[in-house]
Amino acid sequence: MPYVNIKITNEGATAEQKKRLIAGATKLLQDVLGKNPQTTFVVIEEVPTDSWGIAGETITERRKRERA
């Protein structure tokens, strides 16, 4: 019973994009490991950019700097 946890920043992934991620992750486990899609769980967590950091700064800070 595979469990896949996909974490992304909450920057506007659409319902359709999430649907495709779930289908794609399920198919990958089926194709590569022979896992049953009926028992494969995929969870998408959307994390605020203030709660996600890279190289000592938040994504929020990085986005502001990139736009400047």
N, C-alpha and C. Protein backbone atom coordinates (compact mmCIF):
# COMPACT_ATOMS: atom_id res chain seq x y z
N MET A 1 0.84 -1.17 0.00
CA MET A 1 0.00 0.00 0.00
C MET A 1 0.89 1.24 0.00
N PRO A 2 1.30 1.71 -1.17
CA PRO A 2 2.17 2.89 -1.26
C PRO A 2 1.46 4.17 -0.81
N TYR A 3 2.25 5.04 -0.24
CA TYR A 3 1.78 6.36 0.18
C TYR A 3 2.78 7.37 -0.36
N VAL A 4 2.30 8.28 -1.19
CA VAL A 4 3.14 9.32 -1.79
C VAL A 4 2.70 10.66 -1.24
N ASN A 5 3.64 11.45 -0.74
CA ASN A 5 3.33 12.77 -0.22
C ASN A 5 4.07 13.79 -1.08
N ILE A 6 3.32 14.58 -1.83
CA ILE A 6 3.89 15.61 -2.69
C ILE A 6 3.70 16.95 -1.98
N LYS A 7 4.79 17.66 -1.77
CA LYS A 7 4.70 18.98 -1.15
C LYS A 7 5.07 20.03 -2.18
N ILE A 8 4.19 21.03 -2.31
CA ILE A 8 4.43 22.14 -3.22
C ILE A 8 4.10 23.43 -2.49
N THR A 9 4.65 24.53 -2.97
CA THR A 9 4.28 25.82 -2.39
C THR A 9 2.87 26.18 -2.86
N ASN A 10 2.20 26.96 -2.07
CA ASN A 10 0.81 27.33 -2.37
C ASN A 10 0.75 28.53 -3.31
N GLU A 11 1.27 28.33 -4.49
CA GLU A 11 1.33 29.42 -5.47
C GLU A 11 0.40 29.19 -6.65
N GLY A 12 -0.70 28.52 -6.38
CA GLY A 12 -1.75 28.48 -7.39
C GLY A 12 -1.82 27.27 -8.28
N ALA A 13 -1.39 26.10 -7.82
CA ALA A 13 -1.59 24.89 -8.61
C ALA A 13 -3.09 24.69 -8.76
N THR A 14 -3.51 24.43 -9.98
CA THR A 14 -4.95 24.26 -10.24
C THR A 14 -5.41 22.86 -9.86
N ALA A 15 -6.72 22.70 -9.76
CA ALA A 15 -7.29 21.39 -9.49
C ALA A 15 -6.89 20.40 -10.58
N GLU A 16 -6.85 20.84 -11.81
CA GLU A 16 -6.46 19.98 -12.93
C GLU A 16 -4.99 19.54 -12.80
N GLN A 17 -4.13 20.46 -12.43
CA GLN A 17 -2.71 20.11 -12.25
C GLN A 17 -2.54 19.10 -11.12
N LYS A 18 -3.27 19.28 -10.04
CA LYS A 18 -3.20 18.34 -8.92
C LYS A 18 -3.73 16.97 -9.34
N LYS A 19 -4.80 16.96 -10.10
CA LYS A 19 -5.35 15.72 -10.61
C LYS A 19 -4.31 14.97 -11.44
N ARG A 20 -3.59 15.71 -12.27
CA ARG A 20 -2.55 15.10 -13.11
C ARG A 20 -1.38 14.59 -12.27
N LEU A 21 -1.01 15.31 -11.22
CA LEU A 21 0.05 14.84 -10.33
C LEU A 21 -0.35 13.52 -9.66
N ILE A 22 -1.57 13.46 -9.18
CA ILE A 22 -2.06 12.25 -8.52
C ILE A 22 -2.07 11.07 -9.50
N ALA A 23 -2.59 11.30 -10.69
CA ALA A 23 -2.64 10.23 -11.70
C ALA A 23 -1.23 9.80 -12.11
N GLY A 24 -0.35 10.78 -12.29
CA GLY A 24 1.02 10.47 -12.72
C GLY A 24 1.81 9.70 -11.68
N ALA A 25 1.69 10.10 -10.41
CA ALA A 25 2.41 9.40 -9.34
C ALA A 25 1.87 7.98 -9.19
N THR A 26 0.57 7.82 -9.31
CA THR A 26 -0.04 6.50 -9.22
C THR A 26 0.45 5.61 -10.35
N LYS A 27 0.46 6.13 -11.57
CA LYS A 27 0.91 5.36 -12.73
C LYS A 27 2.38 5.02 -12.63
N LEU A 28 3.20 5.93 -12.13
CA LEU A 28 4.64 5.67 -11.97
C LEU A 28 4.87 4.48 -11.04
N LEU A 29 4.18 4.46 -9.92
CA LEU A 29 4.33 3.34 -8.98
C LEU A 29 3.83 2.03 -9.58
N GLN A 30 2.79 2.12 -10.37
CA GLN A 30 2.29 0.92 -11.04
C GLN A 30 3.30 0.42 -12.07
N ASP A 31 3.82 1.32 -12.90
CA ASP A 31 4.74 0.95 -13.97
C ASP A 31 6.09 0.47 -13.46
N VAL A 32 6.64 1.16 -12.48
CA VAL A 32 8.00 0.85 -12.02
C VAL A 32 8.03 -0.26 -10.98
N LEU A 33 7.08 -0.23 -10.04
CA LEU A 33 7.11 -1.20 -8.94
C LEU A 33 5.99 -2.24 -8.98
N GLY A 34 5.11 -2.11 -9.97
CA GLY A 34 4.01 -3.05 -10.08
C GLY A 34 2.96 -2.90 -8.99
N LYS A 35 2.86 -1.70 -8.42
CA LYS A 35 1.90 -1.46 -7.33
C LYS A 35 0.47 -1.32 -7.86
N ASN A 36 -0.47 -1.76 -7.06
CA ASN A 36 -1.88 -1.70 -7.41
C ASN A 36 -2.39 -0.26 -7.25
N PRO A 37 -2.90 0.33 -8.32
CA PRO A 37 -3.43 1.70 -8.21
C PRO A 37 -4.56 1.83 -7.20
N GLN A 38 -5.30 0.76 -6.98
CA GLN A 38 -6.43 0.80 -6.05
C GLN A 38 -6.00 0.94 -4.59
N THR A 39 -4.73 0.65 -4.32
CA THR A 39 -4.25 0.77 -2.95
C THR A 39 -3.10 1.77 -2.83
N THR A 40 -2.98 2.65 -3.83
CA THR A 40 -1.94 3.67 -3.82
C THR A 40 -2.55 5.00 -3.39
N PHE A 41 -1.99 5.57 -2.34
CA PHE A 41 -2.47 6.85 -1.81
C PHE A 41 -1.52 7.96 -2.22
N VAL A 42 -2.06 9.07 -2.70
CA VAL A 42 -1.26 10.24 -3.05
C VAL A 42 -1.87 11.44 -2.34
N VAL A 43 -1.05 12.15 -1.59
CA VAL A 43 -1.49 13.33 -0.86
C VAL A 43 -0.66 14.52 -1.34
N ILE A 44 -1.33 15.61 -1.65
CA ILE A 44 -0.64 16.83 -2.04
C ILE A 44 -0.81 17.84 -0.91
N GLU A 45 0.31 18.32 -0.39
CA GLU A 45 0.28 19.34 0.65
C GLU A 45 0.78 20.65 0.05
N GLU A 46 0.01 21.69 0.25
CA GLU A 46 0.40 23.02 -0.22
C GLU A 46 0.94 23.81 0.98
N VAL A 47 2.18 24.20 0.89
CA VAL A 47 2.87 24.86 1.99
C VAL A 47 2.98 26.36 1.68
N PRO A 48 2.62 27.21 2.64
CA PRO A 48 2.80 28.65 2.44
C PRO A 48 4.27 28.98 2.15
N THR A 49 4.49 29.94 1.29
CA THR A 49 5.87 30.29 0.93
C THR A 49 6.66 30.84 2.11
N ASP A 50 5.97 31.35 3.14
CA ASP A 50 6.66 31.78 4.36
C ASP A 50 7.17 30.60 5.17
N SER A 51 6.68 29.41 4.89
CA SER A 51 7.05 28.21 5.64
C SER A 51 7.96 27.27 4.85
N TRP A 52 8.49 27.74 3.75
CA TRP A 52 9.37 26.93 2.91
C TRP A 52 10.64 27.74 2.68
N GLY A 53 11.77 27.17 3.04
CA GLY A 53 13.01 27.91 2.91
C GLY A 53 14.06 27.20 2.08
N ILE A 54 14.89 27.99 1.44
CA ILE A 54 16.04 27.52 0.67
C ILE A 54 17.21 28.44 0.98
N ALA A 55 18.34 27.85 1.28
CA ALA A 55 19.58 28.62 1.50
C ALA A 55 19.41 29.72 2.55
N GLY A 56 18.65 29.41 3.59
CA GLY A 56 18.52 30.35 4.70
C GLY A 56 17.49 31.44 4.53
N GLU A 57 16.68 31.39 3.50
CA GLU A 57 15.64 32.39 3.34
C GLU A 57 14.35 31.74 2.86
N THR A 58 13.23 32.41 3.12
CA THR A 58 11.94 31.86 2.72
C THR A 58 11.73 32.05 1.22
N ILE A 59 10.84 31.24 0.70
CA ILE A 59 10.47 31.40 -0.71
C ILE A 59 9.84 32.77 -0.94
N THR A 60 9.09 33.25 0.04
CA THR A 60 8.50 34.59 -0.08
C THR A 60 9.58 35.64 -0.33
N GLU A 61 10.65 35.58 0.47
CA GLU A 61 11.76 36.54 0.31
C GLU A 61 12.42 36.38 -1.06
N ARG A 62 12.64 35.16 -1.48
CA ARG A 62 13.27 34.91 -2.78
C ARG A 62 12.42 35.44 -3.93
N ARG A 63 11.10 35.20 -3.84
CA ARG A 63 10.21 35.69 -4.90
C ARG A 63 10.25 37.21 -4.99
N LYS A 64 10.25 37.89 -3.84
CA LYS A 64 10.30 39.35 -3.83
C LYS A 64 11.59 39.84 -4.48
N ARG A 65 12.71 39.20 -4.14
CA ARG A 65 14.00 39.59 -4.70
C ARG A 65 14.04 39.35 -6.22
N GLU A 66 13.49 38.24 -6.66
CA GLU A 66 13.49 37.90 -8.08
C GLU A 66 12.66 38.88 -8.89
N ARG A 67 11.62 39.43 -8.29
CA ARG A 67 10.74 40.38 -9.00
C ARG A 67 11.32 41.79 -9.06
N ALA A 68 12.24 42.06 -8.14
CA ALA A 68 12.80 43.42 -8.07
C ALA A 68 13.76 43.72 -9.19
